[in-house]
Amino acid sequence: MQTEEVLREALKLPAEARAALAGSLLDSLDDAIDDDVEKAWEIEIARRIKEIDEGRAELVPWSEARRRIIGE
């Protein structure tokens, strides 16, 4: 299958499926896993979850976050 055809078909998927596919494709680019980096991310994720659970984090809908990122 040509790259353009794969992309065309992928773009027909629902947003959630496209996001999962994009994540899988990005993951496939990581050949080597750095254990120190993985551990640091685990700690950071746990910290952020704790902030959410304790109500100390500002949660923003994706549409708003995207608007802020793009600068619209």
PDB file of N, CA and C in Angstrom:
ATOM      1  N   MET A   1       0.843  -1.180   0.000  1.00  0.00           N
ATOM      2  CA  MET A   1       0.000   0.000   0.000  1.00  0.00           C
ATOM      3  C   MET A   1       0.887   1.241   0.000  1.00  0.00           C
ATOM      4  N   GLN A   2       0.575   2.184  -0.828  1.00  0.00           N
ATOM      5  CA  GLN A   2       1.353   3.412  -0.890  1.00  0.00           C
ATOM      6  C   GLN A   2       1.099   4.273   0.351  1.00  0.00           C
ATOM      7  N   THR A   3       2.075   5.061   0.722  1.00  0.00           N
ATOM      8  CA  THR A   3       1.966   5.914   1.901  1.00  0.00           C
ATOM      9  C   THR A   3       0.750   6.823   1.817  1.00  0.00           C
ATOM     10  N   GLU A   4       0.517   7.395   0.656  1.00  0.00           N
ATOM     11  CA  GLU A   4      -0.616   8.309   0.497  1.00  0.00           C
ATOM     12  C   GLU A   4      -1.946   7.594   0.734  1.00  0.00           C
ATOM     13  N   GLU A   5      -2.037   6.360   0.278  1.00  0.00           N
ATOM     14  CA  GLU A   5      -3.269   5.588   0.462  1.00  0.00           C
ATOM     15  C   GLU A   5      -3.482   5.249   1.935  1.00  0.00           C
ATOM     16  N   VAL A   6      -2.404   4.891   2.605  1.00  0.00           N
ATOM     17  CA  VAL A   6      -2.494   4.588   4.034  1.00  0.00           C
ATOM     18  C   VAL A   6      -2.958   5.834   4.778  1.00  0.00           C
ATOM     19  N   LEU A   7      -2.372   6.977   4.469  1.00  0.00           N
ATOM     20  CA  LEU A   7      -2.758   8.229   5.117  1.00  0.00           C
ATOM     21  C   LEU A   7      -4.211   8.560   4.836  1.00  0.00           C
ATOM     22  N   ARG A   8      -4.625   8.408   3.601  1.00  0.00           N
ATOM     23  CA  ARG A   8      -6.013   8.699   3.217  1.00  0.00           C
ATOM     24  C   ARG A   8      -6.986   7.849   4.034  1.00  0.00           C
ATOM     25  N   GLU A   9      -6.672   6.565   4.176  1.00  0.00           N
ATOM     26  CA  GLU A   9      -7.536   5.661   4.939  1.00  0.00           C
ATOM     27  C   GLU A   9      -7.498   5.999   6.431  1.00  0.00           C
ATOM     28  N   ALA A  10      -6.314   6.326   6.936  1.00  0.00           N
ATOM     29  CA  ALA A  10      -6.183   6.660   8.355  1.00  0.00           C
ATOM     30  C   ALA A  10      -6.985   7.916   8.696  1.00  0.00           C
ATOM     31  N   LEU A  11      -7.009   8.874   7.802  1.00  0.00           N
ATOM     32  CA  LEU A  11      -7.746  10.118   8.050  1.00  0.00           C
ATOM     33  C   LEU A  11      -9.256   9.906   8.077  1.00  0.00           C
ATOM     34  N   LYS A  12      -9.725   8.781   7.607  1.00  0.00           N
ATOM     35  CA  LYS A  12     -11.158   8.462   7.649  1.00  0.00           C
ATOM     36  C   LYS A  12     -11.575   7.929   9.019  1.00  0.00           C
ATOM     37  N   LEU A  13     -10.595   7.548   9.850  1.00  0.00           N
ATOM     38  CA  LEU A  13     -10.884   6.995  11.168  1.00  0.00           C
ATOM     39  C   LEU A  13     -11.426   8.079  12.102  1.00  0.00           C
ATOM     40  N   PRO A  14     -12.190   7.674  13.127  1.00  0.00           N
ATOM     41  CA  PRO A  14     -12.632   8.635  14.140  1.00  0.00           C
ATOM     42  C   PRO A  14     -11.416   9.240  14.852  1.00  0.00           C
ATOM     43  N   ALA A  15     -11.597  10.396  15.444  1.00  0.00           N
ATOM     44  CA  ALA A  15     -10.489  11.112  16.089  1.00  0.00           C
ATOM     45  C   ALA A  15      -9.749  10.263  17.113  1.00  0.00           C
ATOM     46  N   GLU A  16     -10.485   9.521  17.931  1.00  0.00           N
ATOM     47  CA  GLU A  16      -9.839   8.707  18.962  1.00  0.00           C
ATOM     48  C   GLU A  16      -8.963   7.626  18.346  1.00  0.00           C
ATOM     49  N   ALA A  17      -9.432   7.019  17.281  1.00  0.00           N
ATOM     50  CA  ALA A  17      -8.646   5.984  16.605  1.00  0.00           C
ATOM     51  C   ALA A  17      -7.417   6.588  15.931  1.00  0.00           C
ATOM     52  N   ARG A  18      -7.567   7.784  15.360  1.00  0.00           N
ATOM     53  CA  ARG A  18      -6.408   8.454  14.742  1.00  0.00           C
ATOM     54  C   ARG A  18      -5.360   8.784  15.798  1.00  0.00           C
ATOM     55  N   ALA A  19      -5.806   9.232  16.970  1.00  0.00           N
ATOM     56  CA  ALA A  19      -4.872   9.556  18.055  1.00  0.00           C
ATOM     57  C   ALA A  19      -4.124   8.308  18.506  1.00  0.00           C
ATOM     58  N   ALA A  20      -4.839   7.202  18.645  1.00  0.00           N
ATOM     59  CA  ALA A  20      -4.197   5.943  19.050  1.00  0.00           C
ATOM     60  C   ALA A  20      -3.196   5.495  17.992  1.00  0.00           C
ATOM     61  N   LEU A  21      -3.571   5.620  16.736  1.00  0.00           N
ATOM     62  CA  LEU A  21      -2.673   5.244  15.644  1.00  0.00           C
ATOM     63  C   LEU A  21      -1.427   6.126  15.649  1.00  0.00           C
ATOM     64  N   ALA A  22      -1.623   7.426  15.837  1.00  0.00           N
ATOM     65  CA  ALA A  22      -0.482   8.347  15.878  1.00  0.00           C
ATOM     66  C   ALA A  22       0.459   7.985  17.022  1.00  0.00           C
ATOM     67  N   GLY A  23      -0.108   7.669  18.177  1.00  0.00           N
ATOM     68  CA  GLY A  23       0.719   7.270  19.313  1.00  0.00           C
ATOM     69  C   GLY A  23       1.507   6.006  19.032  1.00  0.00           C
ATOM     70  N   SER A  24       0.856   5.058  18.405  1.00  0.00           N
ATOM     71  CA  SER A  24       1.545   3.807  18.059  1.00  0.00           C
ATOM     72  C   SER A  24       2.673   4.051  17.071  1.00  0.00           C
ATOM     73  N   LEU A  25       2.425   4.908  16.097  1.00  0.00           N
ATOM     74  CA  LEU A  25       3.464   5.218  15.115  1.00  0.00           C
ATOM     75  C   LEU A  25       4.648   5.919  15.782  1.00  0.00           C
ATOM     76  N   LEU A  26       4.364   6.861  16.678  1.00  0.00           N
ATOM     77  CA  LEU A  26       5.451   7.543  17.383  1.00  0.00           C
ATOM     78  C   LEU A  26       6.234   6.562  18.256  1.00  0.00           C
ATOM     79  N   ASP A  27       5.522   5.686  18.942  1.00  0.00           N
ATOM     80  CA  ASP A  27       6.190   4.686  19.775  1.00  0.00           C
ATOM     81  C   ASP A  27       7.111   3.794  18.950  1.00  0.00           C
ATOM     82  N   SER A  28       6.714   3.524  17.713  1.00  0.00           N
ATOM     83  CA  SER A  28       7.513   2.639  16.873  1.00  0.00           C
ATOM     84  C   SER A  28       8.847   3.265  16.469  1.00  0.00           C
ATOM     85  N   LEU A  29       8.993   4.565  16.654  1.00  0.00           N
ATOM     86  CA  LEU A  29      10.238   5.244  16.303  1.00  0.00           C
ATOM     87  C   LEU A  29      11.297   5.113  17.391  1.00  0.00           C
ATOM     88  N   ASP A  30      10.873   4.751  18.592  1.00  0.00           N
ATOM     89  CA  ASP A  30      11.803   4.614  19.707  1.00  0.00           C
ATOM     90  C   ASP A  30      12.405   3.217  19.705  1.00  0.00           C
ATOM     91  N   ASP A  31      13.637   3.117  19.212  1.00  0.00           N
ATOM     92  CA  ASP A  31      14.305   1.824  19.161  1.00  0.00           C
ATOM     93  C   ASP A  31      14.852   1.413  20.519  1.00  0.00           C
ATOM     94  N   ALA A  32      15.450   2.350  21.220  1.00  0.00           N
ATOM     95  CA  ALA A  32      16.067   2.045  22.504  1.00  0.00           C
ATOM     96  C   ALA A  32      15.277   2.723  23.621  1.00  0.00           C
ATOM     97  N   ILE A  33      15.097   2.020  24.711  1.00  0.00           N
ATOM     98  CA  ILE A  33      14.396   2.575  25.855  1.00  0.00           C
ATOM     99  C   ILE A  33      15.425   2.939  26.909  1.00  0.00           C
ATOM    100  N   ASP A  34      15.394   4.189  27.329  1.00  0.00           N
ATOM    101  CA  ASP A  34      16.284   4.673  28.376  1.00  0.00           C
ATOM    102  C   ASP A  34      15.561   4.484  29.706  1.00  0.00           C
ATOM    103  N   ASP A  35      16.038   3.566  30.514  1.00  0.00           N
ATOM    104  CA  ASP A  35      15.370   3.249  31.781  1.00  0.00           C
ATOM    105  C   ASP A  35      15.276   4.457  32.706  1.00  0.00           C
ATOM    106  N   ASP A  36      16.303   5.317  32.708  1.00  0.00           N
ATOM    107  CA  ASP A  36      16.274   6.501  33.559  1.00  0.00           C
ATOM    108  C   ASP A  36      15.167   7.460  33.117  1.00  0.00           C
ATOM    109  N   VAL A  37      15.019   7.617  31.821  1.00  0.00           N
ATOM    110  CA  VAL A  37      13.973   8.494  31.292  1.00  0.00           C
ATOM    111  C   VAL A  37      12.596   7.906  31.586  1.00  0.00           C
ATOM    112  N   GLU A  38      12.443   6.609  31.398  1.00  0.00           N
ATOM    113  CA  GLU A  38      11.168   5.948  31.683  1.00  0.00           C
ATOM    114  C   GLU A  38      10.793   6.139  33.153  1.00  0.00           C
ATOM    115  N   LYS A  39      11.756   5.969  34.051  1.00  0.00           N
ATOM    116  CA  LYS A  39      11.499   6.132  35.481  1.00  0.00           C
ATOM    117  C   LYS A  39      11.122   7.576  35.793  1.00  0.00           C
ATOM    118  N   ALA A  40      11.809   8.529  35.174  1.00  0.00           N
ATOM    119  CA  ALA A  40      11.494   9.942  35.396  1.00  0.00           C
ATOM    120  C   ALA A  40      10.067  10.258  34.943  1.00  0.00           C
ATOM    121  N   TRP A  41       9.655   9.695  33.805  1.00  0.00           N
ATOM    122  CA  TRP A  41       8.290   9.911  33.322  1.00  0.00           C
ATOM    123  C   TRP A  41       7.278   9.280  34.265  1.00  0.00           C
ATOM    124  N   GLU A  42       7.561   8.092  34.777  1.00  0.00           N
ATOM    125  CA  GLU A  42       6.661   7.444  35.736  1.00  0.00           C
ATOM    126  C   GLU A  42       6.447   8.323  36.960  1.00  0.00           C
ATOM    127  N   ILE A  43       7.529   8.911  37.458  1.00  0.00           N
ATOM    128  CA  ILE A  43       7.449   9.797  38.627  1.00  0.00           C
ATOM    129  C   ILE A  43       6.637  11.044  38.286  1.00  0.00           C
ATOM    130  N   GLU A  44       6.894  11.627  37.124  1.00  0.00           N
ATOM    131  CA  GLU A  44       6.173  12.837  36.706  1.00  0.00           C
ATOM    132  C   GLU A  44       4.685  12.558  36.513  1.00  0.00           C
ATOM    133  N   ILE A  45       4.360  11.437  35.900  1.00  0.00           N
ATOM    134  CA  ILE A  45       2.954  11.075  35.688  1.00  0.00           C
ATOM    135  C   ILE A  45       2.256  10.882  37.030  1.00  0.00           C
ATOM    136  N   ALA A  46       2.904  10.205  37.959  1.00  0.00           N
ATOM    137  CA  ALA A  46       2.325   9.986  39.287  1.00  0.00           C
ATOM    138  C   ALA A  46       2.103  11.322  39.997  1.00  0.00           C
ATOM    139  N   ARG A  47       3.044  12.245  39.845  1.00  0.00           N
ATOM    140  CA  ARG A  47       2.914  13.572  40.465  1.00  0.00           C
ATOM    141  C   ARG A  47       1.711  14.306  39.896  1.00  0.00           C
ATOM    142  N   ARG A  48       1.563  14.254  38.569  1.00  0.00           N
ATOM    143  CA  ARG A  48       0.448  14.952  37.933  1.00  0.00           C
ATOM    144  C   ARG A  48      -0.895  14.335  38.298  1.00  0.00           C
ATOM    145  N   ILE A  49      -0.954  13.020  38.379  1.00  0.00           N
ATOM    146  CA  ILE A  49      -2.196  12.351  38.782  1.00  0.00           C
ATOM    147  C   ILE A  49      -2.563  12.749  40.209  1.00  0.00           C
ATOM    148  N   LYS A  50      -1.571  12.817  41.081  1.00  0.00           N
ATOM    149  CA  LYS A  50      -1.813  13.223  42.465  1.00  0.00           C
ATOM    150  C   LYS A  50      -2.376  14.638  42.514  1.00  0.00           C
ATOM    151  N   GLU A  51      -1.814  15.548  41.718  1.00  0.00           N
ATOM    152  CA  GLU A  51      -2.319  16.921  41.671  1.00  0.00           C
ATOM    153  C   GLU A  51      -3.775  16.958  41.206  1.00  0.00           C
ATOM    154  N   ILE A  52      -4.104  16.145  40.218  1.00  0.00           N
ATOM    155  CA  ILE A  52      -5.487  16.085  39.729  1.00  0.00           C
ATOM    156  C   ILE A  52      -6.394  15.541  40.833  1.00  0.00           C
ATOM    157  N   ASP A  53      -5.980  14.437  41.455  1.00  0.00           N
ATOM    158  CA  ASP A  53      -6.788  13.813  42.505  1.00  0.00           C
ATOM    159  C   ASP A  53      -7.016  14.757  43.686  1.00  0.00           C
ATOM    160  N   GLU A  54      -6.028  15.585  43.979  1.00  0.00           N
ATOM    161  CA  GLU A  54      -6.132  16.512  45.108  1.00  0.00           C
ATOM    162  C   GLU A  54      -6.796  17.828  44.718  1.00  0.00           C
ATOM    163  N   GLY A  55      -7.163  17.970  43.440  1.00  0.00           N
ATOM    164  CA  GLY A  55      -7.834  19.189  42.981  1.00  0.00           C
ATOM    165  C   GLY A  55      -6.910  20.388  42.840  1.00  0.00           C
ATOM    166  N   ARG A  56      -5.630  20.150  42.733  1.00  0.00           N
ATOM    167  CA  ARG A  56      -4.662  21.241  42.613  1.00  0.00           C
ATOM    168  C   ARG A  56      -4.275  21.542  41.167  1.00  0.00           C
ATOM    169  N   ALA A  57      -4.784  20.771  40.221  1.00  0.00           N
ATOM    170  CA  ALA A  57      -4.423  20.963  38.814  1.00  0.00           C
ATOM    171  C   ALA A  57      -5.574  21.649  38.081  1.00  0.00           C
ATOM    172  N   GLU A  58      -5.220  22.537  37.172  1.00  0.00           N
ATOM    173  CA  GLU A  58      -6.224  23.175  36.326  1.00  0.00           C
ATOM    174  C   GLU A  58      -6.448  22.273  35.118  1.00  0.00           C
ATOM    175  N   LEU A  59      -7.636  21.692  35.026  1.00  0.00           N
ATOM    176  CA  LEU A  59      -7.962  20.829  33.895  1.00  0.00           C
ATOM    177  C   LEU A  59      -8.618  21.666  32.806  1.00  0.00           C
ATOM    178  N   VAL A  60      -8.178  21.464  31.578  1.00  0.00           N
ATOM    179  CA  VAL A  60      -8.645  22.247  30.446  1.00  0.00           C
ATOM    180  C   VAL A  60      -9.109  21.288  29.361  1.00  0.00           C
ATOM    181  N   PRO A  61     -10.276  21.540  28.760  1.00  0.00           N
ATOM    182  CA  PRO A  61     -10.707  20.683  27.655  1.00  0.00           C
ATOM    183  C   PRO A  61      -9.696  20.729  26.510  1.00  0.00           C
ATOM    184  N   TRP A  62      -9.583  19.632  25.751  1.00  0.00           N
ATOM    185  CA  TRP A  62      -8.631  19.554  24.650  1.00  0.00           C
ATOM    186  C   TRP A  62      -8.809  20.706  23.673  1.00  0.00           C
ATOM    187  N   SER A  63     -10.044  21.085  23.380  1.00  0.00           N
ATOM    188  CA  SER A  63     -10.271  22.166  22.417  1.00  0.00           C
ATOM    189  C   SER A  63      -9.622  23.461  22.892  1.00  0.00           C
ATOM    190  N   GLU A  64      -9.693  23.734  24.192  1.00  0.00           N
ATOM    191  CA  GLU A  64      -9.069  24.932  24.754  1.00  0.00           C
ATOM    192  C   GLU A  64      -7.548  24.807  24.748  1.00  0.00           C
ATOM    193  N   ALA A  65      -7.039  23.636  25.135  1.00  0.00           N
ATOM    194  CA  ALA A  65      -5.587  23.426  25.136  1.00  0.00           C
ATOM    195  C   ALA A  65      -5.029  23.595  23.729  1.00  0.00           C
ATOM    196  N   ARG A  66      -5.712  23.020  22.763  1.00  0.00           N
ATOM    197  CA  ARG A  66      -5.276  23.127  21.361  1.00  0.00           C
ATOM    198  C   ARG A  66      -5.263  24.579  20.908  1.00  0.00           C
ATOM    199  N   ARG A  67      -6.309  25.325  21.293  1.00  0.00           N
ATOM    200  CA  ARG A  67      -6.380  26.740  20.929  1.00  0.00           C
ATOM    201  C   ARG A  67      -5.192  27.500  21.511  1.00  0.00           C
ATOM    202  N   ARG A  68      -4.854  27.187  22.759  1.00  0.00           N
ATOM    203  CA  ARG A  68      -3.712  27.847  23.417  1.00  0.00           C
ATOM    204  C   ARG A  68      -2.403  27.484  22.724  1.00  0.00           C
ATOM    205  N   ILE A  69      -2.257  26.224  22.357  1.00  0.00           N
ATOM    206  CA  ILE A  69      -1.021  25.764  21.709  1.00  0.00           C
ATOM    207  C   ILE A  69      -0.847  26.431  20.359  1.00  0.00           C
ATOM    208  N   ILE A  70      -1.910  26.425  19.582  1.00  0.00           N
ATOM    209  CA  ILE A  70      -1.858  26.983  18.225  1.00  0.00           C
ATOM    210  C   ILE A  70      -1.796  28.508  18.261  1.00  0.00           C
ATOM    211  N   GLY A  71      -2.372  29.075  19.320  1.00  0.00           N
ATOM    212  CA  GLY A  71      -2.345  30.531  19.456  1.00  0.00           C
ATOM    213  C   GLY A  71      -3.490  31.220  18.727  1.00  0.00           C
ATOM    214  N   GLU A  72      -4.589  30.535  18.619  1.00  0.00           N
ATOM    215  CA  GLU A  72      -5.761  31.122  17.950  1.00  0.00           C
ATOM    216  C   GLU A  72      -6.487  32.055  18.894  1.00  0.00           C
TER     217      GLU A  72
END
